Amino acid sequence: MTAGIPALAHSPRHMFAAIGLLALLAGHPARAAECGRDAAGFDGFLSQIRQEAASAGVSQSAIDSGLSGVSYNLSVISHDRGQKVFHQSFEEFSGRMVNAFRLHKGAQLLSQNAALFSKIEEKYGVPGPVLVAIWGLETDFGAYMGNFPTIESLATLAWDCRRSAQFRGELIDALKLVERGDIDPVAARGAWAGEIGQTQFMPSSYLKYAVDFDGDGASDLIHDKADVLASTANFLQQNGWQKGQPWGEGSANMEALRAWNKSSIYSRTIGYFAEKLTASR
C-alpha cells in the first residue's frame, strides 16, 4: 500500500477533539465581552490576555515574544467549523487509519527502539504497542506535526465564542511554555486546535505530563523521541492505566485511552492498532 498521507492531513485526533472540549466546557459560558464571532475586537482581547498572563506569573518578555505578530486566523476558524469525521463509523475510521504503512512502520519502530520501550513500560506500565499506536495515529510517528502557528491558533479559538473559556486557558498555558523555554513562539507549529509535538499534547497537558526521560535537562515533546513516548505513557498512567491489564472495551485501560481522546471511535482505534502491533511481534 502507498505510504499514508500524514495523520494530520486526515485530522484524526483534533477533528474528534470537540467532543472532549465541549464536555470540558460545560458550565463555563463565555461572557460576550470576552469573545467574538470575527476579527473585530481581537486586538483588545490580546491586551486582556497580556494582563491575565502577567497575573499568572508569565514574564513580560515571554508575553511579548509569545504574542508578537499574532492575528486572527480565519483558516483555524474554517477548520473548526468544517469537522466532518464525526459521521464515520469505527469500522470506517479504523480501516482508514490503521493502514499497511502504519502497521509496517510501527512494527519497525517497536523493534528498533525495544530497549527504550522496555524502560518506559517498567516505569509507567504502558506497553510499546499502545504508545506506537498513538504516535502513528497522531503524526505518522513524528513525520507531520502540523503547520499551524500554535499560539495564533490558540488565540483565535480563545477569542471565538464557541470554546472561549477552554482555549483561553490553553493560550495562557502556551505562554507558560514559552516562559519555561519549552517552545519557541515563532517556530512552534502544530494542529489547528493548538496541539503540539509528536503525540499532539495541548499546552495544559504539556505542562502537567511532560517528562525529561533521557535526562538532558529538557522535556521536549517536539524533537526528543524518548521524552515524547515517556510523556505519553505518563499521561496514560496518571489517568488510570493499569500495568499488565487488557485495554479492550469496559477495561480501566480503555478509560485511560478515552482520557487521551474522549471519542469512543478514536480511543477504540488506538486499542485496535495496538492489538495489531502486539500480534505482529
Protein backbone atom coordinates (compact mmCIF):
# COMPACT_ATOMS: atom_id res chain seq x y z
CA MET A 1 0.00 0.00 0.00
CA THR A 2 1.16 3.57 -0.68
CA ALA A 3 2.81 5.28 2.29
CA GLY A 4 -0.01 7.01 4.14
CA ILE A 5 -1.00 10.61 3.88
CA PRO A 6 0.26 12.23 7.10
CA ALA A 7 -2.06 11.70 10.03
CA LEU A 8 -2.83 15.38 10.47
CA ALA A 9 -3.85 15.67 6.85
CA HIS A 10 -6.73 13.43 7.88
CA SER A 11 -7.06 15.48 11.11
CA PRO A 12 -7.79 12.33 13.19
CA ARG A 13 -7.46 13.46 16.74
CA HIS A 14 -8.20 17.15 16.63
CA MET A 15 -11.25 16.55 14.45
CA PHE A 16 -12.58 14.50 17.34
CA ALA A 17 -11.29 16.99 19.92
CA ALA A 18 -14.54 18.94 20.01
CA ILE A 19 -16.22 16.06 21.85
CA GLY A 20 -13.82 16.36 24.75
CA LEU A 21 -13.65 20.13 24.62
CA LEU A 22 -17.41 20.52 24.72
CA ALA A 23 -17.54 18.25 27.74
CA LEU A 24 -14.85 20.27 29.47
CA LEU A 25 -16.68 23.49 28.74
CA ALA A 26 -19.95 22.51 30.33
CA GLY A 27 -20.85 25.15 32.84
CA HIS A 28 -18.33 27.67 31.54
CA PRO A 29 -20.18 30.02 29.18
CA ALA A 30 -18.02 32.83 27.78
CA ARG A 31 -19.13 36.35 28.54
CA ALA A 32 -19.97 38.45 25.49
CA ALA A 33 -17.24 40.99 26.22
CA GLU A 34 -14.61 38.25 26.22
CA CYS A 35 -15.29 36.62 22.86
CA GLY A 36 -16.29 37.41 19.30
CA ARG A 37 -17.52 35.96 16.03
CA ASP A 38 -14.94 37.62 13.76
CA ALA A 39 -11.73 39.65 13.92
CA ALA A 40 -13.42 42.72 15.38
CA GLY A 41 -12.21 43.16 18.95
CA PHE A 42 -9.37 40.65 18.67
CA ASP A 43 -6.62 43.17 19.44
CA GLY A 44 -8.39 44.27 22.58
CA PHE A 45 -8.75 40.64 23.59
CA LEU A 46 -4.99 40.16 23.27
CA SER A 47 -4.50 43.08 25.64
CA GLN A 48 -6.64 41.26 28.19
CA ILE A 49 -4.61 38.09 27.67
CA ARG A 50 -1.42 40.03 28.33
CA GLN A 51 -2.82 41.09 31.70
CA GLU A 52 -4.01 37.58 32.56
CA ALA A 53 -0.68 36.04 31.63
CA ALA A 54 1.19 38.55 33.76
CA SER A 55 -1.11 37.77 36.68
CA ALA A 56 -0.36 34.06 36.13
CA GLY A 57 3.36 34.75 36.56
CA VAL A 58 4.46 34.89 32.94
CA SER A 59 7.25 37.41 32.38
CA GLN A 60 6.76 40.43 30.16
CA SER A 61 9.44 39.21 27.79
CA ALA A 62 7.70 35.85 27.34
CA ILE A 63 4.34 37.57 26.81
CA ASP A 64 5.83 39.95 24.25
CA SER A 65 7.60 37.21 22.31
CA GLY A 66 4.64 34.86 22.54
CA LEU A 67 2.04 37.31 21.27
CA SER A 68 4.17 39.24 18.81
CA GLY A 69 2.61 39.21 15.35
CA VAL A 70 -0.39 37.12 16.44
CA SER A 71 -3.51 37.84 14.40
CA TYR A 72 -6.97 36.38 13.92
CA ASN A 73 -6.61 33.27 11.74
CA LEU A 74 -9.59 32.57 9.51
CA SER A 75 -8.16 29.23 8.42
CA VAL A 76 -8.30 28.00 12.02
CA ILE A 77 -11.95 29.00 12.26
CA SER A 78 -12.66 27.30 8.94
CA HIS A 79 -11.12 24.05 10.17
CA ASP A 80 -13.05 24.26 13.43
CA ARG A 81 -16.33 24.71 11.58
CA GLY A 82 -15.59 22.06 8.97
CA GLN A 83 -15.23 18.93 11.08
CA LYS A 84 -16.97 16.05 9.31
CA VAL A 85 -15.29 12.98 10.77
CA PHE A 86 -17.96 12.65 13.48
CA HIS A 87 -20.17 10.86 10.97
CA GLN A 88 -17.72 8.00 10.42
CA SER A 89 -18.23 4.60 11.99
CA PHE A 90 -15.50 2.82 13.93
CA GLU A 91 -15.06 0.42 11.00
CA GLU A 92 -14.65 3.29 8.54
CA PHE A 93 -12.28 5.28 10.70
CA SER A 94 -10.10 2.43 11.96
CA GLY A 95 -9.97 0.85 8.50
CA ARG A 96 -8.60 4.07 7.05
CA MET A 97 -6.26 5.00 9.86
CA VAL A 98 -4.75 1.58 10.69
CA ASN A 99 -3.31 1.05 7.24
CA ALA A 100 -0.48 -1.11 5.91
CA PHE A 101 2.06 1.69 6.08
CA ARG A 102 1.41 2.47 9.74
CA LEU A 103 1.38 -1.20 10.71
CA HIS A 104 4.69 -1.86 8.95
CA LYS A 105 6.37 1.31 10.23
CA GLY A 106 5.02 0.77 13.73
CA ALA A 107 6.40 -2.75 13.88
CA GLN A 108 9.79 -1.45 12.72
CA LEU A 109 9.87 1.22 15.39
CA LEU A 110 8.93 -1.26 18.10
CA SER A 111 11.87 -3.43 17.11
CA GLN A 112 14.36 -0.59 16.65
CA ASN A 113 13.50 1.01 19.99
CA ALA A 114 12.91 -2.12 22.05
CA ALA A 115 15.20 -1.02 24.88
CA LEU A 116 13.52 2.38 25.17
CA PHE A 117 10.03 0.87 25.20
CA SER A 118 11.11 -1.63 27.84
CA LYS A 119 12.36 1.17 30.12
CA ILE A 120 9.18 3.18 29.63
CA GLU A 121 6.96 0.18 30.39
CA GLU A 122 8.99 -0.60 33.50
CA LYS A 123 8.44 2.93 34.83
CA TYR A 124 4.91 3.71 33.64
CA GLY A 125 3.37 0.30 32.90
CA VAL A 126 2.31 1.19 29.36
CA PRO A 127 3.42 -1.28 26.65
CA GLY A 128 5.17 -0.19 23.49
CA PRO A 129 2.38 -1.11 21.04
CA VAL A 130 -0.04 1.29 22.75
CA LEU A 131 2.47 4.15 22.58
CA VAL A 132 3.34 3.38 18.97
CA ALA A 133 -0.35 3.30 18.05
CA ILE A 134 -0.86 6.79 19.49
CA TRP A 135 2.37 8.02 17.88
CA GLY A 136 1.34 6.71 14.48
CA LEU A 137 -2.25 7.94 14.57
CA GLU A 138 -1.32 11.41 15.77
CA THR A 139 1.55 12.36 13.47
CA ASP A 140 2.72 9.34 11.46
CA PHE A 141 5.41 8.78 14.09
CA GLY A 142 6.51 12.41 14.17
CA ALA A 143 6.65 12.85 10.39
CA TYR A 144 3.95 15.51 10.30
CA MET A 145 3.05 17.51 13.39
CA GLY A 146 1.01 20.23 11.70
CA ASN A 147 1.85 23.61 10.25
CA PHE A 148 -0.50 25.99 12.06
CA PRO A 149 1.20 28.65 14.22
CA THR A 150 0.44 27.32 17.68
CA ILE A 151 -0.08 30.49 19.68
CA GLU A 152 -2.03 32.19 16.90
CA SER A 153 -4.31 29.16 16.61
CA LEU A 154 -4.96 29.11 20.34
CA ALA A 155 -5.54 32.87 20.44
CA THR A 156 -8.03 32.69 17.58
CA LEU A 157 -10.00 29.89 19.25
CA ALA A 158 -9.79 31.63 22.64
CA TRP A 159 -11.43 34.70 21.10
CA ASP A 160 -14.05 32.67 19.22
CA CYS A 161 -17.23 32.29 21.25
CA ARG A 162 -17.67 28.57 20.63
CA ARG A 163 -15.00 27.39 23.12
CA SER A 164 -13.59 30.60 24.52
CA ALA A 165 -13.14 29.52 28.13
CA GLN A 166 -11.18 26.35 27.39
CA PHE A 167 -8.89 27.85 24.78
CA ARG A 168 -8.27 30.94 26.86
CA GLY A 169 -6.72 28.68 29.48
CA GLU A 170 -4.73 26.81 26.85
CA LEU A 171 -3.40 30.10 25.48
CA ILE A 172 -2.15 31.17 28.91
CA ASP A 173 -0.55 27.74 29.34
CA ALA A 174 1.17 28.10 25.96
CA LEU A 175 2.69 31.36 27.17
CA LYS A 176 3.90 29.50 30.26
CA LEU A 177 5.63 27.03 27.93
CA VAL A 178 7.32 29.98 26.24
CA GLU A 179 8.38 31.22 29.67
CA ARG A 180 9.89 27.81 30.50
CA GLY A 181 11.65 27.59 27.17
CA ASP A 182 9.73 24.50 26.04
CA ILE A 183 8.50 26.09 22.83
CA ASP A 184 9.77 28.82 20.53
CA PRO A 185 6.76 31.07 19.88
CA VAL A 186 7.96 31.90 16.38
CA ALA A 187 8.81 28.35 15.30
CA ALA A 188 6.05 26.47 17.17
CA ARG A 189 3.74 24.78 14.70
CA GLY A 190 1.09 22.14 15.22
CA ALA A 191 -2.53 21.21 14.63
CA TRP A 192 -5.17 23.85 14.03
CA ALA A 193 -6.60 23.33 17.53
CA GLY A 194 -3.26 24.02 19.24
CA GLU A 195 -1.89 20.51 19.80
CA ILE A 196 1.88 20.34 19.59
CA GLY A 197 4.57 17.69 19.42
CA GLN A 198 4.88 14.15 18.11
CA THR A 199 1.87 12.87 20.03
CA GLN A 200 -0.04 16.15 19.99
CA PHE A 201 -0.27 17.50 23.53
CA MET A 202 -2.39 20.51 24.35
CA PRO A 203 -0.37 23.10 26.30
CA SER A 204 -2.13 22.26 29.58
CA SER A 205 -1.20 18.59 29.17
CA TYR A 206 2.35 19.52 28.18
CA LEU A 207 2.73 21.42 31.44
CA LYS A 208 1.21 18.62 33.51
CA TYR A 209 2.58 15.44 31.95
CA ALA A 210 5.78 16.17 30.01
CA VAL A 211 8.87 14.44 31.43
CA ASP A 212 12.59 14.60 30.70
CA PHE A 213 13.06 10.87 30.24
CA ASP A 214 16.56 10.95 28.78
CA GLY A 215 17.89 13.36 31.41
CA ASP A 216 19.15 16.05 29.03
CA GLY A 217 17.60 18.85 31.06
CA ALA A 218 14.55 19.49 28.86
CA SER A 219 11.11 17.97 28.41
CA ASP A 220 11.00 18.16 24.63
CA LEU A 221 7.84 16.77 23.05
CA ILE A 222 8.69 18.10 19.61
CA HIS A 223 12.15 16.69 18.87
CA ASP A 224 13.03 14.18 21.60
CA LYS A 225 11.61 10.70 20.96
CA ALA A 226 12.32 9.43 24.48
CA ASP A 227 10.56 12.39 26.08
CA VAL A 228 7.65 12.12 23.64
CA LEU A 229 6.93 8.47 24.33
CA ALA A 230 7.56 8.59 28.08
CA SER A 231 5.38 11.67 28.47
CA THR A 232 2.58 9.91 26.59
CA ALA A 233 2.96 6.93 28.94
CA ASN A 234 2.97 9.27 31.93
CA PHE A 235 -0.32 10.79 30.74
CA LEU A 236 -1.92 7.36 30.50
CA GLN A 237 -0.56 6.19 33.85
CA GLN A 238 -1.81 9.30 35.62
CA ASN A 239 -5.21 8.77 34.03
CA GLY A 240 -5.62 5.24 35.37
CA TRP A 241 -3.59 2.92 33.16
CA GLN A 242 -3.06 -0.44 34.88
CA LYS A 243 0.12 -2.34 34.07
CA GLY A 244 -0.32 -5.78 32.55
CA GLN A 245 -4.06 -5.42 32.06
CA PRO A 246 -6.01 -5.55 28.76
CA TRP A 247 -7.25 -2.43 27.04
CA GLY A 248 -10.47 -3.68 25.47
CA GLU A 249 -13.95 -2.22 25.88
CA GLY A 250 -15.03 -1.99 29.52
CA SER A 251 -11.49 -2.08 30.89
CA ALA A 252 -9.83 0.54 33.07
CA ASN A 253 -7.17 0.91 30.39
CA MET A 254 -9.73 1.76 27.74
CA GLU A 255 -10.91 4.52 30.06
CA ALA A 256 -7.31 5.78 30.20
CA LEU A 257 -7.29 5.83 26.39
CA ARG A 258 -10.54 7.80 26.50
CA ALA A 259 -8.80 10.32 28.73
CA TRP A 260 -6.37 10.74 25.85
CA ASN A 261 -9.28 11.36 23.49
CA LYS A 262 -12.93 11.43 24.52
CA SER A 263 -14.14 10.00 21.22
CA SER A 264 -15.03 6.32 21.54
CA ILE A 265 -14.15 5.79 17.88
CA TYR A 266 -10.69 7.26 18.29
CA SER A 267 -9.85 5.51 21.57
CA ARG A 268 -11.06 2.18 20.20
CA THR A 269 -8.89 2.72 17.14
CA ILE A 270 -5.83 3.20 19.37
CA GLY A 271 -6.64 -0.11 21.05
CA TYR A 272 -7.25 -1.84 17.71
CA PHE A 273 -3.95 -0.56 16.30
CA ALA A 274 -2.11 -1.66 19.46
CA GLU A 275 -3.62 -5.14 19.24
CA LYS A 276 -2.49 -5.46 15.62
CA LEU A 277 1.05 -4.40 16.58
CA THR A 278 1.12 -6.83 19.51
CA ALA A 279 0.05 -9.70 17.28
CA SER A 280 2.80 -8.90 14.78
CA ARG A 281 5.65 -9.14 17.31
